[in-house]
Amino acid sequence: MILQIYLIYLFITPVNKFPVDNTYPIDNTAQSKMTKSLTTVLHGLLKYTNYSIQVLAFTHVGEGLRSVKSYCRTKEDGKLE
């Protein structure tokens, strides 16, 4: 099986719920990004905001499982810590 693409899901996580699974999607849907690269830049992040990120991979067979959520918080400039 040859990896074809990665799909990244980004959710805002409420401050009082960080880091548990009570997350809610940005604009009522998960912000997602597809890439073939092992690295990517996420744009449009809000400053001082908690996020959870999940990644899954696609092959010619189909979609794989989502990764365990990774939690992070942006700084005053909207960049990740």
PDB file of N, CA and C in Angstrom:
ATOM      1  N   MET A   1       0.836  -1.191   0.000  1.00  0.00           N
ATOM      2  CA  MET A   1       0.000   0.000   0.000  1.00  0.00           C
ATOM      3  C   MET A   1       0.876   1.248   0.000  1.00  0.00           C
ATOM      4  N   ILE A   2       0.560   2.156  -0.849  1.00  0.00           N
ATOM      5  CA  ILE A   2       1.323   3.400  -0.942  1.00  0.00           C
ATOM      6  C   ILE A   2       0.475   4.539  -0.391  1.00  0.00           C
ATOM      7  N   LEU A   3       1.084   5.281   0.537  1.00  0.00           N
ATOM      8  CA  LEU A   3       0.406   6.429   1.123  1.00  0.00           C
ATOM      9  C   LEU A   3       0.138   7.463   0.037  1.00  0.00           C
ATOM     10  N   GLN A   4      -1.086   7.967  -0.001  1.00  0.00           N
ATOM     11  CA  GLN A   4      -1.436   8.941  -1.021  1.00  0.00           C
ATOM     12  C   GLN A   4      -1.598  10.348  -0.462  1.00  0.00           C
ATOM     13  N   ILE A   5      -2.178  10.469   0.737  1.00  0.00           N
ATOM     14  CA  ILE A   5      -2.447  11.807   1.264  1.00  0.00           C
ATOM     15  C   ILE A   5      -2.716  11.747   2.766  1.00  0.00           C
ATOM     16  N   TYR A   6      -2.428  12.834   3.456  1.00  0.00           N
ATOM     17  CA  TYR A   6      -2.761  12.984   4.872  1.00  0.00           C
ATOM     18  C   TYR A   6      -3.925  13.953   4.997  1.00  0.00           C
ATOM     19  N   LEU A   7      -4.802  13.721   5.956  1.00  0.00           N
ATOM     20  CA  LEU A   7      -5.903  14.627   6.257  1.00  0.00           C
ATOM     21  C   LEU A   7      -5.745  15.061   7.708  1.00  0.00           C
ATOM     22  N   ILE A   8      -5.713  16.361   7.942  1.00  0.00           N
ATOM     23  CA  ILE A   8      -5.517  16.921   9.277  1.00  0.00           C
ATOM     24  C   ILE A   8      -6.814  17.573   9.725  1.00  0.00           C
ATOM     25  N   TYR A   9      -7.307  17.190  10.906  1.00  0.00           N
ATOM     26  CA  TYR A   9      -8.500  17.785  11.502  1.00  0.00           C
ATOM     27  C   TYR A   9      -8.070  18.697  12.644  1.00  0.00           C
ATOM     28  N   LEU A  10      -8.650  19.884  12.711  1.00  0.00           N
ATOM     29  CA  LEU A  10      -8.312  20.866  13.734  1.00  0.00           C
ATOM     30  C   LEU A  10      -9.586  21.307  14.450  1.00  0.00           C
ATOM     31  N   PHE A  11      -9.604  21.150  15.769  1.00  0.00           N
ATOM     32  CA  PHE A  11     -10.750  21.531  16.590  1.00  0.00           C
ATOM     33  C   PHE A  11     -10.317  22.535  17.649  1.00  0.00           C
ATOM     34  N   ILE A  12     -11.170  23.506  17.976  1.00  0.00           N
ATOM     35  CA  ILE A  12     -10.950  24.372  19.131  1.00  0.00           C
ATOM     36  C   ILE A  12     -11.376  23.592  20.365  1.00  0.00           C
ATOM     37  N   THR A  13     -10.574  23.652  21.424  1.00  0.00           N
ATOM     38  CA  THR A  13     -10.860  22.958  22.669  1.00  0.00           C
ATOM     39  C   THR A  13     -11.105  24.005  23.753  1.00  0.00           C
ATOM     40  N   PRO A  14     -12.275  24.019  24.397  1.00  0.00           N
ATOM     41  CA  PRO A  14     -12.556  25.010  25.441  1.00  0.00           C
ATOM     42  C   PRO A  14     -11.503  24.973  26.555  1.00  0.00           C
ATOM     43  N   VAL A  15     -11.152  26.133  27.086  1.00  0.00           N
ATOM     44  CA  VAL A  15     -10.104  26.254  28.101  1.00  0.00           C
ATOM     45  C   VAL A  15     -10.377  25.369  29.302  1.00  0.00           C
ATOM     46  N   ASN A  16     -11.612  25.352  29.805  1.00  0.00           N
ATOM     47  CA  ASN A  16     -11.912  24.567  31.001  1.00  0.00           C
ATOM     48  C   ASN A  16     -11.995  23.070  30.716  1.00  0.00           C
ATOM     49  N   LYS A  17     -11.915  22.661  29.467  1.00  0.00           N
ATOM     50  CA  LYS A  17     -11.991  21.252  29.099  1.00  0.00           C
ATOM     51  C   LYS A  17     -10.646  20.720  28.614  1.00  0.00           C
ATOM     52  N   PHE A  18      -9.635  21.535  28.594  1.00  0.00           N
ATOM     53  CA  PHE A  18      -8.334  21.180  28.032  1.00  0.00           C
ATOM     54  C   PHE A  18      -7.565  20.303  29.001  1.00  0.00           C
ATOM     55  N   PRO A  19      -6.982  19.196  28.676  1.00  0.00           N
ATOM     56  CA  PRO A  19      -7.043  18.461  27.418  1.00  0.00           C
ATOM     57  C   PRO A  19      -7.903  17.212  27.515  1.00  0.00           C
ATOM     58  N   VAL A  20      -9.180  17.331  27.411  1.00  0.00           N
ATOM     59  CA  VAL A  20     -10.079  16.173  27.365  1.00  0.00           C
ATOM     60  C   VAL A  20     -10.777  16.130  26.018  1.00  0.00           C
ATOM     61  N   ASP A  21     -11.651  15.186  25.815  1.00  0.00           N
ATOM     62  CA  ASP A  21     -12.253  15.009  24.496  1.00  0.00           C
ATOM     63  C   ASP A  21     -13.460  15.900  24.210  1.00  0.00           C
ATOM     64  N   ASN A  22     -13.811  16.813  25.090  1.00  0.00           N
ATOM     65  CA  ASN A  22     -14.936  17.715  24.828  1.00  0.00           C
ATOM     66  C   ASN A  22     -14.467  18.849  23.933  1.00  0.00           C
ATOM     67  N   THR A  23     -14.375  18.589  22.662  1.00  0.00           N
ATOM     68  CA  THR A  23     -13.940  19.592  21.704  1.00  0.00           C
ATOM     69  C   THR A  23     -15.109  19.960  20.811  1.00  0.00           C
ATOM     70  N   TYR A  24     -15.009  21.095  20.190  1.00  0.00           N
ATOM     71  CA  TYR A  24     -16.042  21.456  19.234  1.00  0.00           C
ATOM     72  C   TYR A  24     -15.380  21.981  17.979  1.00  0.00           C
ATOM     73  N   PRO A  25     -15.971  21.703  16.842  1.00  0.00           N
ATOM     74  CA  PRO A  25     -15.369  22.101  15.575  1.00  0.00           C
ATOM     75  C   PRO A  25     -15.383  23.610  15.383  1.00  0.00           C
ATOM     76  N   ILE A  26     -14.449  24.087  14.617  1.00  0.00           N
ATOM     77  CA  ILE A  26     -14.403  25.493  14.237  1.00  0.00           C
ATOM     78  C   ILE A  26     -15.548  25.738  13.257  1.00  0.00           C
ATOM     79  N   ASP A  27     -16.323  26.793  13.484  1.00  0.00           N
ATOM     80  CA  ASP A  27     -17.453  27.122  12.607  1.00  0.00           C
ATOM     81  C   ASP A  27     -18.395  25.937  12.414  1.00  0.00           C
ATOM     82  N   ASN A  28     -18.621  25.165  13.476  1.00  0.00           N
ATOM     83  CA  ASN A  28     -19.523  24.019  13.490  1.00  0.00           C
ATOM     84  C   ASN A  28     -19.093  22.854  12.611  1.00  0.00           C
ATOM     85  N   THR A  29     -17.924  22.918  12.015  1.00  0.00           N
ATOM     86  CA  THR A  29     -17.370  21.785  11.290  1.00  0.00           C
ATOM     87  C   THR A  29     -15.874  21.743  11.564  1.00  0.00           C
ATOM     88  N   ALA A  30     -15.292  20.572  11.488  1.00  0.00           N
ATOM     89  CA  ALA A  30     -13.850  20.471  11.686  1.00  0.00           C
ATOM     90  C   ALA A  30     -13.140  21.190  10.554  1.00  0.00           C
ATOM     91  N   GLN A  31     -12.187  22.010  10.912  1.00  0.00           N
ATOM     92  CA  GLN A  31     -11.333  22.578   9.881  1.00  0.00           C
ATOM     93  C   GLN A  31     -10.420  21.449   9.447  1.00  0.00           C
ATOM     94  N   SER A  32     -10.268  21.242   8.182  1.00  0.00           N
ATOM     95  CA  SER A  32      -9.419  20.153   7.721  1.00  0.00           C
ATOM     96  C   SER A  32      -8.494  20.640   6.620  1.00  0.00           C
ATOM     97  N   LYS A  33      -7.414  19.907   6.471  1.00  0.00           N
ATOM     98  CA  LYS A  33      -6.425  20.246   5.452  1.00  0.00           C
ATOM     99  C   LYS A  33      -5.862  18.940   4.910  1.00  0.00           C
ATOM    100  N   MET A  34      -5.741  18.848   3.598  1.00  0.00           N
ATOM    101  CA  MET A  34      -5.149  17.670   2.974  1.00  0.00           C
ATOM    102  C   MET A  34      -3.765  18.038   2.452  1.00  0.00           C
ATOM    103  N   THR A  35      -2.827  17.104   2.611  1.00  0.00           N
ATOM    104  CA  THR A  35      -1.464  17.340   2.143  1.00  0.00           C
ATOM    105  C   THR A  35      -0.784  16.018   1.819  1.00  0.00           C
ATOM    106  N   LYS A  36       0.160  16.069   0.912  1.00  0.00           N
ATOM    107  CA  LYS A  36       0.993  14.903   0.613  1.00  0.00           C
ATOM    108  C   LYS A  36       2.313  14.988   1.365  1.00  0.00           C
ATOM    109  N   SER A  37       2.566  16.123   1.977  1.00  0.00           N
ATOM    110  CA  SER A  37       3.831  16.380   2.661  1.00  0.00           C
ATOM    111  C   SER A  37       3.817  15.840   4.096  1.00  0.00           C
ATOM    112  N   LEU A  38       4.998  15.534   4.626  1.00  0.00           N
ATOM    113  CA  LEU A  38       5.123  15.127   6.021  1.00  0.00           C
ATOM    114  C   LEU A  38       5.032  16.315   6.971  1.00  0.00           C
ATOM    115  N   THR A  39       5.155  17.530   6.445  1.00  0.00           N
ATOM    116  CA  THR A  39       5.004  18.741   7.254  1.00  0.00           C
ATOM    117  C   THR A  39       4.035  19.682   6.556  1.00  0.00           C
ATOM    118  N   THR A  40       3.371  20.519   7.347  1.00  0.00           N
ATOM    119  CA  THR A  40       2.438  21.500   6.782  1.00  0.00           C
ATOM    120  C   THR A  40       2.302  22.668   7.732  1.00  0.00           C
ATOM    121  N   VAL A  41       1.766  23.770   7.264  1.00  0.00           N
ATOM    122  CA  VAL A  41       1.514  24.953   8.079  1.00  0.00           C
ATOM    123  C   VAL A  41       0.004  25.139   8.177  1.00  0.00           C
ATOM    124  N   LEU A  42      -0.488  25.310   9.402  1.00  0.00           N
ATOM    125  CA  LEU A  42      -1.912  25.571   9.620  1.00  0.00           C
ATOM    126  C   LEU A  42      -2.115  27.077   9.697  1.00  0.00           C
ATOM    127  N   HIS A  43      -3.004  27.604   8.891  1.00  0.00           N
ATOM    128  CA  HIS A  43      -3.239  29.042   8.814  1.00  0.00           C
ATOM    129  C   HIS A  43      -4.557  29.404   9.506  1.00  0.00           C
ATOM    130  N   GLY A  44      -4.686  30.663   9.890  1.00  0.00           N
ATOM    131  CA  GLY A  44      -5.942  31.165  10.436  1.00  0.00           C
ATOM    132  C   GLY A  44      -6.201  30.770  11.879  1.00  0.00           C
ATOM    133  N   LEU A  45      -5.152  30.415  12.623  1.00  0.00           N
ATOM    134  CA  LEU A  45      -5.339  30.054  14.024  1.00  0.00           C
ATOM    135  C   LEU A  45      -5.564  31.307  14.866  1.00  0.00           C
ATOM    136  N   LEU A  46      -6.424  31.193  15.857  1.00  0.00           N
ATOM    137  CA  LEU A  46      -6.720  32.312  16.744  1.00  0.00           C
ATOM    138  C   LEU A  46      -5.671  32.401  17.839  1.00  0.00           C
ATOM    139  N   LYS A  47      -5.377  33.619  18.313  1.00  0.00           N
ATOM    140  CA  LYS A  47      -4.389  33.750  19.378  1.00  0.00           C
ATOM    141  C   LYS A  47      -4.966  33.283  20.713  1.00  0.00           C
ATOM    142  N   TYR A  48      -4.081  32.781  21.568  1.00  0.00           N
ATOM    143  CA  TYR A  48      -4.427  32.274  22.904  1.00  0.00           C
ATOM    144  C   TYR A  48      -5.599  31.290  22.868  1.00  0.00           C
ATOM    145  N   THR A  49      -5.555  30.348  21.944  1.00  0.00           N
ATOM    146  CA  THR A  49      -6.648  29.394  21.775  1.00  0.00           C
ATOM    147  C   THR A  49      -6.114  27.968  21.891  1.00  0.00           C
ATOM    148  N   ASN A  50      -6.859  27.120  22.592  1.00  0.00           N
ATOM    149  CA  ASN A  50      -6.517  25.706  22.712  1.00  0.00           C
ATOM    150  C   ASN A  50      -7.085  24.946  21.519  1.00  0.00           C
ATOM    151  N   TYR A  51      -6.270  24.086  20.938  1.00  0.00           N
ATOM    152  CA  TYR A  51      -6.683  23.278  19.796  1.00  0.00           C
ATOM    153  C   TYR A  51      -6.378  21.812  20.047  1.00  0.00           C
ATOM    154  N   SER A  52      -7.141  20.944  19.421  1.00  0.00           N
ATOM    155  CA  SER A  52      -6.770  19.532  19.322  1.00  0.00           C
ATOM    156  C   SER A  52      -6.645  19.226  17.833  1.00  0.00           C
ATOM    157  N   ILE A  53      -5.658  18.397  17.524  1.00  0.00           N
ATOM    158  CA  ILE A  53      -5.342  18.070  16.133  1.00  0.00           C
ATOM    159  C   ILE A  53      -5.319  16.550  15.984  1.00  0.00           C
ATOM    160  N   GLN A  54      -5.924  16.061  14.911  1.00  0.00           N
ATOM    161  CA  GLN A  54      -5.870  14.645  14.565  1.00  0.00           C
ATOM    162  C   GLN A  54      -5.456  14.513  13.108  1.00  0.00           C
ATOM    163  N   VAL A  55      -4.767  13.425  12.813  1.00  0.00           N
ATOM    164  CA  VAL A  55      -4.303  13.173  11.451  1.00  0.00           C
ATOM    165  C   VAL A  55      -4.725  11.762  11.047  1.00  0.00           C
ATOM    166  N   LEU A  56      -5.076  11.596   9.795  1.00  0.00           N
ATOM    167  CA  LEU A  56      -5.287  10.261   9.246  1.00  0.00           C
ATOM    168  C   LEU A  56      -4.671  10.219   7.862  1.00  0.00           C
ATOM    169  N   ALA A  57      -4.396   9.020   7.407  1.00  0.00           N
ATOM    170  CA  ALA A  57      -3.763   8.838   6.106  1.00  0.00           C
ATOM    171  C   ALA A  57      -4.707   8.092   5.162  1.00  0.00           C
ATOM    172  N   PHE A  58      -4.570   8.388   3.878  1.00  0.00           N
ATOM    173  CA  PHE A  58      -5.304   7.694   2.827  1.00  0.00           C
ATOM    174  C   PHE A  58      -4.309   6.902   1.969  1.00  0.00           C
ATOM    175  N   THR A  59      -4.715   5.721   1.566  1.00  0.00           N
ATOM    176  CA  THR A  59      -3.975   4.943   0.565  1.00  0.00           C
ATOM    177  C   THR A  59      -4.956   4.608  -0.546  1.00  0.00           C
ATOM    178  N   HIS A  60      -4.517   3.862  -1.515  1.00  0.00           N
ATOM    179  CA  HIS A  60      -5.430   3.475  -2.607  1.00  0.00           C
ATOM    180  C   HIS A  60      -6.553   2.578  -2.085  1.00  0.00           C
ATOM    181  N   VAL A  61      -6.377   1.947  -0.918  1.00  0.00           N
ATOM    182  CA  VAL A  61      -7.410   1.094  -0.322  1.00  0.00           C
ATOM    183  C   VAL A  61      -8.496   1.929   0.351  1.00  0.00           C
ATOM    184  N   GLY A  62      -8.119   3.118   0.847  1.00  0.00           N
ATOM    185  CA  GLY A  62      -9.097   3.981   1.494  1.00  0.00           C
ATOM    186  C   GLY A  62      -8.522   4.715   2.694  1.00  0.00           C
ATOM    187  N   GLU A  63      -9.431   5.186   3.540  1.00  0.00           N
ATOM    188  CA  GLU A  63      -9.092   6.011   4.704  1.00  0.00           C
ATOM    189  C   GLU A  63      -8.615   5.141   5.858  1.00  0.00           C
ATOM    190  N   GLY A  64      -7.547   5.599   6.550  1.00  0.00           N
ATOM    191  CA  GLY A  64      -7.057   4.910   7.731  1.00  0.00           C
ATOM    192  C   GLY A  64      -7.737   5.442   8.985  1.00  0.00           C
ATOM    193  N   LEU A  65      -7.278   4.998  10.139  1.00  0.00           N
ATOM    194  CA  LEU A  65      -7.813   5.454  11.419  1.00  0.00           C
ATOM    195  C   LEU A  65      -7.256   6.816  11.792  1.00  0.00           C
ATOM    196  N   ARG A  66      -8.048   7.607  12.524  1.00  0.00           N
ATOM    197  CA  ARG A  66      -7.548   8.887  13.034  1.00  0.00           C
ATOM    198  C   ARG A  66      -6.532   8.645  14.143  1.00  0.00           C
ATOM    199  N   SER A  67      -5.553   9.517  14.224  1.00  0.00           N
ATOM    200  CA  SER A  67      -4.566   9.444  15.293  1.00  0.00           C
ATOM    201  C   SER A  67      -5.202   9.845  16.622  1.00  0.00           C
ATOM    202  N   VAL A  68      -4.492   9.598  17.695  1.00  0.00           N
ATOM    203  CA  VAL A  68      -4.892  10.110  19.005  1.00  0.00           C
ATOM    204  C   VAL A  68      -4.796  11.628  18.924  1.00  0.00           C
ATOM    205  N   LYS A  69      -5.690  12.345  19.603  1.00  0.00           N
ATOM    206  CA  LYS A  69      -5.657  13.810  19.563  1.00  0.00           C
ATOM    207  C   LYS A  69      -4.390  14.343  20.216  1.00  0.00           C
ATOM    208  N   SER A  70      -3.820  15.347  19.579  1.00  0.00           N
ATOM    209  CA  SER A  70      -2.683  16.072  20.124  1.00  0.00           C
ATOM    210  C   SER A  70      -3.198  17.456  20.515  1.00  0.00           C
ATOM    211  N   TYR A  71      -2.861  17.922  21.717  1.00  0.00           N
ATOM    212  CA  TYR A  71      -3.378  19.194  22.219  1.00  0.00           C
ATOM    213  C   TYR A  71      -2.283  20.248  22.222  1.00  0.00           C
ATOM    214  N   CYS A  72      -2.670  21.470  21.878  1.00  0.00           N
ATOM    215  CA  CYS A  72      -1.722  22.574  21.855  1.00  0.00           C
ATOM    216  C   CYS A  72      -2.467  23.886  22.076  1.00  0.00           C
ATOM    217  N   ARG A  73      -1.701  24.945  22.318  1.00  0.00           N
ATOM    218  CA  ARG A  73      -2.265  26.272  22.550  1.00  0.00           C
ATOM    219  C   ARG A  73      -1.453  27.273  21.738  1.00  0.00           C
ATOM    220  N   THR A  74      -2.145  28.197  21.082  1.00  0.00           N
ATOM    221  CA  THR A  74      -1.445  29.218  20.317  1.00  0.00           C
ATOM    222  C   THR A  74      -0.982  30.344  21.236  1.00  0.00           C
ATOM    223  N   LYS A  75       0.011  31.066  20.773  1.00  0.00           N
ATOM    224  CA  LYS A  75       0.548  32.220  21.499  1.00  0.00           C
ATOM    225  C   LYS A  75      -0.176  33.489  21.050  1.00  0.00           C
ATOM    226  N   GLU A  76       0.340  34.637  21.484  1.00  0.00           N
ATOM    227  CA  GLU A  76      -0.317  35.908  21.170  1.00  0.00           C
ATOM    228  C   GLU A  76      -0.328  36.224  19.671  1.00  0.00           C
ATOM    229  N   ASP A  77       0.545  35.590  18.909  1.00  0.00           N
ATOM    230  CA  ASP A  77       0.592  35.841  17.475  1.00  0.00           C
ATOM    231  C   ASP A  77      -0.163  34.793  16.661  1.00  0.00           C
ATOM    232  N   GLY A  78      -0.854  33.866  17.358  1.00  0.00           N
ATOM    233  CA  GLY A  78      -1.617  32.831  16.671  1.00  0.00           C
ATOM    234  C   GLY A  78      -0.768  31.644  16.234  1.00  0.00           C
ATOM    235  N   LYS A  79       0.527  31.651  16.597  1.00  0.00           N
ATOM    236  CA  LYS A  79       1.402  30.527  16.269  1.00  0.00           C
ATOM    237  C   LYS A  79       1.365  29.525  17.420  1.00  0.00           C
ATOM    238  N   LEU A  80       1.603  28.265  17.093  1.00  0.00           N
ATOM    239  CA  LEU A  80       1.568  27.214  18.104  1.00  0.00           C
ATOM    240  C   LEU A  80       2.779  27.266  19.015  1.00  0.00           C
ATOM    241  N   GLU A  81       2.548  26.918  20.297  1.00  0.00           N
ATOM    242  CA  GLU A  81       3.643  26.862  21.263  1.00  0.00           C
ATOM    243  C   GLU A  81       4.433  25.609  21.064  1.00  0.00           C
TER     244      GLU A  81
END
